[in-house]
Amino acid sequence: MLQYDLIRKRARDITLACLAATLPGSTGCGPALVDGDGPEAGDGDGEGDGPEAGDGDGPEAGDEAGDGDAHELPCASQYPGMICIPEGPFIMGSTDLGHLEELEMPEQVVQMSQFHIDRHEVTFGEYRACMNAGVCTPPAAEDPEDDLTYGCRWGQAGLDDYPVACIGWLEALIYCEWRGAALPTEAQWEKAGRGTDGRTYSWGNEEPSCVYASMATPADEWGQGSVYGCGTGMPEPVGSHSPEGDSPYGVQDMVGNVSEFVADWLGPGVAELGADPRGADSAVWKTRKGGSFRVEPAHNASSGWLHLAWRGRGGGPVPGYQLGPGGGFRCAISE
């Protein structure tokens, strides 16, 4: 049986209350599941939801994309453009993705405090505001002498609604701090994408396609070699695959488009993370999540690069170090 089938079966056999009861020191059940209805993407989001592409309803929990599982609603957020993720347990990590080897985070139940996360990836337009304030530095522009900048689009017209890219982890952190926020932890990011049912992808367990995410399409779909960004050759404007690809809470573009920096160092997998984990104390690389517009499901047998449990190298806190057009980020606020 495929890994996502195992997770799906487990999610249907274990209620959220039982998940909470498995946590050390638990004395009762967790938040009640919502019967039938999934979250409305605009609920609890505050005012000013960002680009128009990000507006609209999230997937109903009973529709095909969500595989019919019930989900808790997002809580109310006082932060414009952010979605509140309620406290409680969720299934984090994976088992036997294979290519992750010692970096694989073993599948486990993790207890999380309430937090807020951006509905969509930070855009060029939003990042430019930080530059205009004299805080952020410009993204890298394409330089024929530097292969790492191939595909970088800074300086082109019409970028405001596209996810900012060609910046480094440190630049992403500076932007979030300018907003009074931070980069999300890996656990925060993964809960915002997976919800509480242990799903493989933000939309559910159905295999990735351009209905749900900006990704690389296999050769046979377009009659040629693999094509990036669902035929566009680049990332797409944020929210382009909403609501179909949204998470149970209405968070957009958690799979594909640009992979995202998170706060944690990329250390070996840990079997017992505890509550609100923050990753290794130190390592060579920071972690990134979510795959990108360059990744297709056939990269490996388990589609691990688009799997929400996937963990990749996200560079380090070095000024000017960037990972090209496939690396971006979003911000979070903890409570």
Protein backbone atom coordinates (compact mmCIF):
# COMPACT_ATOMS: atom_id res chain seq x y z
CA MET A 1 0.00 0.00 0.00
CA LEU A 2 1.34 3.46 -0.86
CA GLN A 3 2.48 5.71 1.99
CA TYR A 4 -0.29 8.24 1.49
CA ASP A 5 -2.84 5.41 1.69
CA LEU A 6 -1.43 4.38 5.06
CA ILE A 7 -1.65 7.93 6.37
CA ARG A 8 -5.15 8.33 5.01
CA LYS A 9 -6.31 5.09 6.65
CA ARG A 10 -4.79 6.16 9.94
CA ALA A 11 -6.47 9.55 9.76
CA ARG A 12 -9.86 7.93 9.24
CA ASP A 13 -9.34 5.47 12.09
CA ILE A 14 -8.13 8.02 14.65
CA THR A 15 -10.24 11.03 15.57
CA LEU A 16 -8.69 14.32 16.51
CA ALA A 17 -9.72 13.72 20.10
CA CYS A 18 -7.79 10.47 20.13
CA LEU A 19 -4.77 12.20 18.64
CA ALA A 20 -4.78 14.61 21.54
CA ALA A 21 -5.10 11.75 24.01
CA THR A 22 -1.91 10.16 22.66
CA LEU A 23 0.18 13.15 23.70
CA PRO A 24 2.25 12.95 26.89
CA GLY A 25 0.41 14.51 29.82
CA SER A 26 -2.89 14.77 27.99
CA THR A 27 -5.99 14.63 30.18
CA GLY A 28 -8.73 15.01 27.61
CA CYS A 29 -9.78 15.29 24.03
CA GLY A 30 -8.64 17.91 21.53
CA PRO A 31 -10.81 20.35 19.57
CA ALA A 32 -13.99 18.92 18.10
CA LEU A 33 -13.99 18.02 14.44
CA VAL A 34 -16.31 19.93 12.18
CA ASP A 35 -18.92 17.76 10.55
CA GLY A 36 -19.17 18.07 6.81
CA ASP A 37 -18.03 21.63 6.12
CA GLY A 38 -14.44 22.64 5.42
CA PRO A 39 -13.02 26.08 6.20
CA GLU A 40 -13.98 29.10 4.21
CA ALA A 41 -10.66 30.53 3.06
CA GLY A 42 -11.70 34.02 4.13
CA ASP A 43 -12.79 33.08 7.67
CA GLY A 44 -10.70 34.52 10.49
CA ASP A 45 -8.35 36.25 8.08
CA GLY A 46 -8.66 39.86 9.17
CA GLU A 47 -9.07 42.63 6.61
CA GLY A 48 -6.91 43.15 3.56
CA ASP A 49 -6.33 39.69 2.18
CA GLY A 50 -3.61 40.66 -0.29
CA PRO A 51 -3.84 40.10 -4.07
CA GLU A 52 -7.24 39.38 -5.57
CA ALA A 53 -5.98 35.95 -6.61
CA GLY A 54 -5.83 35.05 -2.91
CA ASP A 55 -9.47 35.84 -2.20
CA GLY A 56 -12.32 33.38 -2.31
CA ASP A 57 -13.58 30.27 -0.65
CA GLY A 58 -11.39 27.43 0.49
CA PRO A 59 -12.24 23.82 -0.38
CA GLU A 60 -15.22 22.30 1.32
CA ALA A 61 -14.12 19.40 3.50
CA GLY A 62 -16.57 17.12 1.76
CA ASP A 63 -15.36 17.73 -1.79
CA GLU A 64 -13.12 15.46 -3.83
CA ALA A 65 -9.98 17.53 -3.32
CA GLY A 66 -10.25 17.10 0.44
CA ASP A 67 -11.07 13.39 0.20
CA GLY A 68 -14.22 13.84 2.30
CA ASP A 69 -12.47 14.18 5.68
CA ALA A 70 -13.73 16.66 8.29
CA HIS A 71 -11.47 19.48 9.45
CA GLU A 72 -11.35 22.09 12.18
CA LEU A 73 -11.95 25.67 11.11
CA PRO A 74 -9.24 28.33 11.21
CA CYS A 75 -9.45 30.59 14.24
CA ALA A 76 -9.92 34.37 13.94
CA SER A 77 -6.79 36.31 12.97
CA GLN A 78 -6.28 39.98 13.73
CA TYR A 79 -3.42 40.18 11.24
CA PRO A 80 -4.32 41.29 7.69
CA GLY A 81 -3.51 38.69 5.03
CA MET A 82 -2.84 35.94 7.58
CA ILE A 83 -4.77 32.84 8.60
CA CYS A 84 -5.00 31.70 12.21
CA ILE A 85 -4.14 28.04 12.80
CA PRO A 86 -5.72 26.74 16.03
CA GLU A 87 -3.81 25.03 18.81
CA GLY A 88 -3.91 21.26 18.93
CA PRO A 89 -2.25 18.12 17.56
CA PHE A 90 -1.50 17.11 13.99
CA ILE A 91 0.35 14.33 12.19
CA MET A 92 3.84 15.50 11.19
CA GLY A 93 6.56 13.73 9.23
CA SER A 94 6.61 10.63 7.09
CA THR A 95 7.70 7.03 6.98
CA ASP A 96 9.75 5.45 4.19
CA LEU A 97 9.91 8.31 1.71
CA GLY A 98 13.30 6.74 1.06
CA HIS A 99 15.31 9.53 -0.53
CA LEU A 100 15.31 11.55 2.70
CA GLU A 101 17.31 8.86 4.54
CA GLU A 102 18.53 10.21 7.91
CA LEU A 103 16.81 13.56 7.24
CA GLU A 104 13.36 11.97 7.25
CA MET A 105 11.24 13.20 10.16
CA PRO A 106 9.51 10.07 11.54
CA GLU A 107 5.73 10.28 11.39
CA GLN A 108 4.37 11.32 14.77
CA VAL A 109 1.70 13.37 16.55
CA VAL A 110 2.91 16.87 17.45
CA GLN A 111 1.10 19.33 19.72
CA MET A 112 1.08 22.93 18.47
CA SER A 113 0.15 26.26 20.01
CA GLN A 114 -2.02 28.68 18.05
CA PHE A 115 -0.23 30.73 15.40
CA HIS A 116 -0.88 32.85 12.31
CA ILE A 117 0.59 32.30 8.84
CA ASP A 118 0.44 34.20 5.55
CA ARG A 119 -2.38 33.11 3.29
CA HIS A 120 0.02 33.16 0.32
CA GLU A 121 3.73 33.36 -0.38
CA VAL A 122 5.31 36.80 -0.04
CA THR A 123 5.12 38.55 -3.41
CA PHE A 124 7.55 40.79 -5.25
CA GLY A 125 5.17 43.68 -4.64
CA GLU A 126 5.10 43.09 -0.89
CA TYR A 127 8.87 42.64 -0.74
CA ARG A 128 9.37 45.88 -2.70
CA ALA A 129 7.59 47.78 0.07
CA CYS A 130 10.30 46.61 2.48
CA MET A 131 12.96 47.78 0.03
CA ASN A 132 11.25 51.17 -0.28
CA ALA A 133 11.39 51.43 3.51
CA GLY A 134 15.17 51.05 3.30
CA VAL A 135 15.21 47.72 5.16
CA CYS A 136 15.35 44.94 2.54
CA THR A 137 17.92 44.49 -0.22
CA PRO A 138 16.94 43.74 -3.84
CA PRO A 139 16.53 40.14 -5.05
CA ALA A 140 19.19 38.86 -7.42
CA ALA A 141 18.73 39.71 -11.09
CA GLU A 142 19.71 37.33 -13.86
CA ASP A 143 23.44 37.51 -14.60
CA PRO A 144 24.86 35.55 -17.59
CA GLU A 145 28.06 35.09 -15.60
CA ASP A 146 26.30 33.52 -12.61
CA ASP A 147 24.45 30.23 -13.15
CA LEU A 148 22.69 30.58 -9.77
CA THR A 149 20.75 33.57 -11.12
CA TYR A 150 19.39 31.80 -14.22
CA GLY A 151 15.65 32.49 -14.34
CA CYS A 152 15.76 35.30 -11.77
CA ARG A 153 13.25 37.95 -12.83
CA TRP A 154 13.99 40.99 -10.71
CA GLY A 155 13.81 44.13 -12.86
CA GLN A 156 11.10 42.79 -15.18
CA ALA A 157 7.69 44.42 -15.37
CA GLY A 158 4.48 42.94 -13.99
CA LEU A 159 5.96 40.94 -11.10
CA ASP A 160 3.96 42.31 -8.17
CA ASP A 161 1.61 39.30 -7.78
CA TYR A 162 4.32 36.65 -8.27
CA PRO A 163 6.13 35.06 -5.32
CA VAL A 164 9.39 36.82 -4.57
CA ALA A 165 12.39 34.61 -5.34
CA CYS A 166 16.14 34.81 -5.84
CA ILE A 167 16.66 35.95 -2.26
CA GLY A 168 18.32 34.09 0.59
CA TRP A 169 17.18 32.81 3.96
CA LEU A 170 18.61 35.85 5.74
CA GLU A 171 16.80 38.29 3.45
CA ALA A 172 13.55 36.40 4.05
CA LEU A 173 14.05 36.67 7.82
CA ILE A 174 14.75 40.40 7.60
CA TYR A 175 11.54 40.96 5.64
CA CYS A 176 9.41 39.01 8.14
CA GLU A 177 10.95 40.83 11.09
CA TRP A 178 10.26 44.16 9.36
CA ARG A 179 6.60 43.12 9.38
CA GLY A 180 6.73 42.18 13.06
CA ALA A 181 6.64 38.48 12.17
CA ALA A 182 9.12 35.63 11.71
CA LEU A 183 9.74 32.73 9.40
CA PRO A 184 7.46 29.83 10.37
CA THR A 185 8.96 26.82 12.08
CA GLU A 186 8.92 23.62 10.07
CA ALA A 187 6.15 22.28 12.32
CA GLN A 188 4.04 25.42 11.89
CA TRP A 189 4.46 25.30 8.13
CA GLU A 190 3.56 21.62 7.95
CA LYS A 191 0.45 21.91 10.12
CA ALA A 192 -0.78 24.87 8.07
CA GLY A 193 -0.45 22.70 4.96
CA ARG A 194 -1.66 19.33 6.21
CA GLY A 195 -4.35 20.11 8.77
CA THR A 196 -5.14 17.36 11.26
CA ASP A 197 -5.88 14.33 9.08
CA GLY A 198 -2.33 13.40 8.04
CA ARG A 199 -2.92 14.18 4.38
CA THR A 200 -0.05 13.92 1.93
CA TYR A 201 -0.69 17.16 0.03
CA SER A 202 -2.48 20.37 0.94
CA TRP A 203 -5.58 19.38 -1.08
CA GLY A 204 -5.72 15.78 0.15
CA ASN A 205 -4.18 12.54 -1.10
CA GLU A 206 -4.91 12.72 -4.81
CA GLU A 207 -1.74 12.71 -6.92
CA PRO A 208 -0.34 16.17 -7.79
CA SER A 209 -1.52 17.83 -11.00
CA CYS A 210 -1.83 21.33 -12.43
CA VAL A 211 -5.35 21.50 -11.03
CA TYR A 212 -3.80 21.81 -7.57
CA ALA A 213 -0.29 23.23 -7.90
CA SER A 214 2.27 25.00 -10.07
CA MET A 215 4.64 22.13 -10.83
CA ALA A 216 6.60 20.51 -13.62
CA THR A 217 4.42 18.49 -15.97
CA PRO A 218 5.54 15.10 -17.25
CA ALA A 219 6.62 14.86 -20.87
CA ASP A 220 3.60 12.89 -22.05
CA GLU A 221 1.16 15.56 -20.82
CA TRP A 222 2.55 18.20 -23.17
CA GLY A 223 4.08 16.03 -25.91
CA GLN A 224 7.60 17.19 -25.10
CA GLY A 225 10.10 17.16 -22.28
CA SER A 226 9.15 18.10 -18.74
CA VAL A 227 7.74 21.66 -18.69
CA TYR A 228 8.09 23.87 -15.62
CA GLY A 229 5.26 25.74 -13.96
CA CYS A 230 2.39 23.89 -15.68
CA GLY A 231 3.63 25.06 -19.07
CA THR A 232 4.51 28.63 -18.10
CA GLY A 233 8.20 27.91 -17.50
CA MET A 234 8.16 29.92 -14.27
CA PRO A 235 6.28 30.31 -10.99
CA GLU A 236 2.70 31.54 -11.28
CA PRO A 237 0.96 34.44 -9.49
CA VAL A 238 0.09 33.54 -5.91
CA GLY A 239 -3.30 31.89 -5.53
CA SER A 240 -3.41 30.69 -9.15
CA HIS A 241 -4.48 27.21 -7.96
CA SER A 242 -6.91 28.39 -5.28
CA PRO A 243 -9.22 27.11 -3.97
CA GLU A 244 -8.52 23.67 -5.47
CA GLY A 245 -4.99 23.44 -4.06
CA ASP A 246 -5.64 25.16 -0.72
CA SER A 247 -4.92 23.53 2.61
CA PRO A 248 -7.80 22.65 4.98
CA TYR A 249 -7.36 26.10 6.56
CA GLY A 250 -7.36 27.94 3.22
CA VAL A 251 -3.58 28.48 2.99
CA GLN A 252 -2.49 28.74 -0.65
CA ASP A 253 0.40 27.31 -2.70
CA MET A 254 1.87 25.07 -0.01
CA VAL A 255 2.87 22.63 -2.75
CA GLY A 256 4.84 23.79 -5.79
CA ASN A 257 5.29 27.33 -7.14
CA VAL A 258 8.30 28.18 -4.95
CA SER A 259 9.69 26.04 -2.18
CA GLU A 260 9.73 27.93 1.10
CA PHE A 261 12.34 28.76 3.70
CA VAL A 262 11.43 27.98 7.30
CA ALA A 263 13.16 28.95 10.54
CA ASP A 264 14.62 25.54 11.46
CA TRP A 265 18.07 24.17 10.82
CA LEU A 266 18.02 21.02 8.67
CA GLY A 267 19.04 18.34 11.16
CA PRO A 268 18.44 14.58 11.29
CA GLY A 269 14.91 13.34 11.88
CA VAL A 270 13.81 13.15 15.51
CA ALA A 271 11.40 10.49 16.75
CA GLU A 272 9.94 12.50 19.66
CA LEU A 273 9.79 16.18 18.79
CA GLY A 274 7.67 17.35 21.73
CA ALA A 275 5.35 20.35 21.63
CA ASP A 276 6.03 23.34 19.35
CA PRO A 277 9.37 21.96 18.06
CA ARG A 278 11.94 24.39 16.68
CA GLY A 279 14.43 22.07 15.01
CA ALA A 280 18.10 21.33 15.58
CA ASP A 281 20.31 23.71 17.54
CA SER A 282 22.65 24.07 14.56
CA ALA A 283 23.49 22.52 11.20
CA VAL A 284 25.01 23.44 7.84
CA TRP A 285 21.71 24.28 6.12
CA LYS A 286 18.35 25.79 6.92
CA THR A 287 15.24 23.83 5.93
CA ARG A 288 12.91 24.49 3.01
CA LYS A 289 9.56 22.90 2.31
CA GLY A 290 6.94 22.38 -0.36
CA GLY A 291 8.68 21.64 -3.67
CA SER A 292 8.64 24.16 -6.53
CA PHE A 293 7.46 24.84 -10.07
CA ARG A 294 10.41 22.74 -11.29
CA VAL A 295 9.37 19.52 -9.54
CA GLU A 296 7.24 16.78 -11.11
CA PRO A 297 5.69 13.78 -9.33
CA ALA A 298 7.97 11.33 -11.14
CA HIS A 299 11.11 12.68 -9.47
CA ASN A 300 10.91 9.65 -7.19
CA ALA A 301 8.53 6.79 -6.58
CA SER A 302 6.75 8.44 -3.64
CA SER A 303 6.46 11.97 -5.12
CA GLY A 304 8.37 13.03 -2.06
CA TRP A 305 9.54 16.36 -3.38
CA LEU A 306 5.93 17.57 -3.52
CA HIS A 307 4.95 15.75 -0.33
CA LEU A 308 4.32 18.20 2.54
CA ALA A 309 6.62 16.14 4.77
CA TRP A 310 9.55 16.65 2.37
CA ARG A 311 12.58 18.44 3.84
CA GLY A 312 15.23 20.08 1.66
CA ARG A 313 18.29 22.31 1.91
CA GLY A 314 17.31 25.94 2.24
CA GLY A 315 20.67 27.66 2.19
CA GLY A 316 22.06 29.37 5.25
CA PRO A 317 22.05 32.75 7.02
CA VAL A 318 24.65 34.23 4.66
CA PRO A 319 24.08 37.67 3.08
CA GLY A 320 23.55 37.44 -0.67
CA TYR A 321 23.27 33.65 -0.78
CA GLN A 322 20.18 32.74 -2.79
CA LEU A 323 18.71 29.62 -4.36
CA GLY A 324 17.40 30.96 -7.66
CA PRO A 325 13.82 31.37 -8.90
CA GLY A 326 12.51 28.27 -7.10
CA GLY A 327 13.02 29.52 -3.53
CA GLY A 328 10.62 31.83 -1.67
CA PHE A 329 8.94 32.14 1.73
CA ARG A 330 5.98 33.28 3.82
CA CYS A 331 5.83 34.71 7.34
CA ALA A 332 4.22 33.61 10.60
CA ILE A 333 3.35 35.04 14.01
CA SER A 334 3.38 32.85 17.11
CA GLU A 335 1.25 33.30 20.20
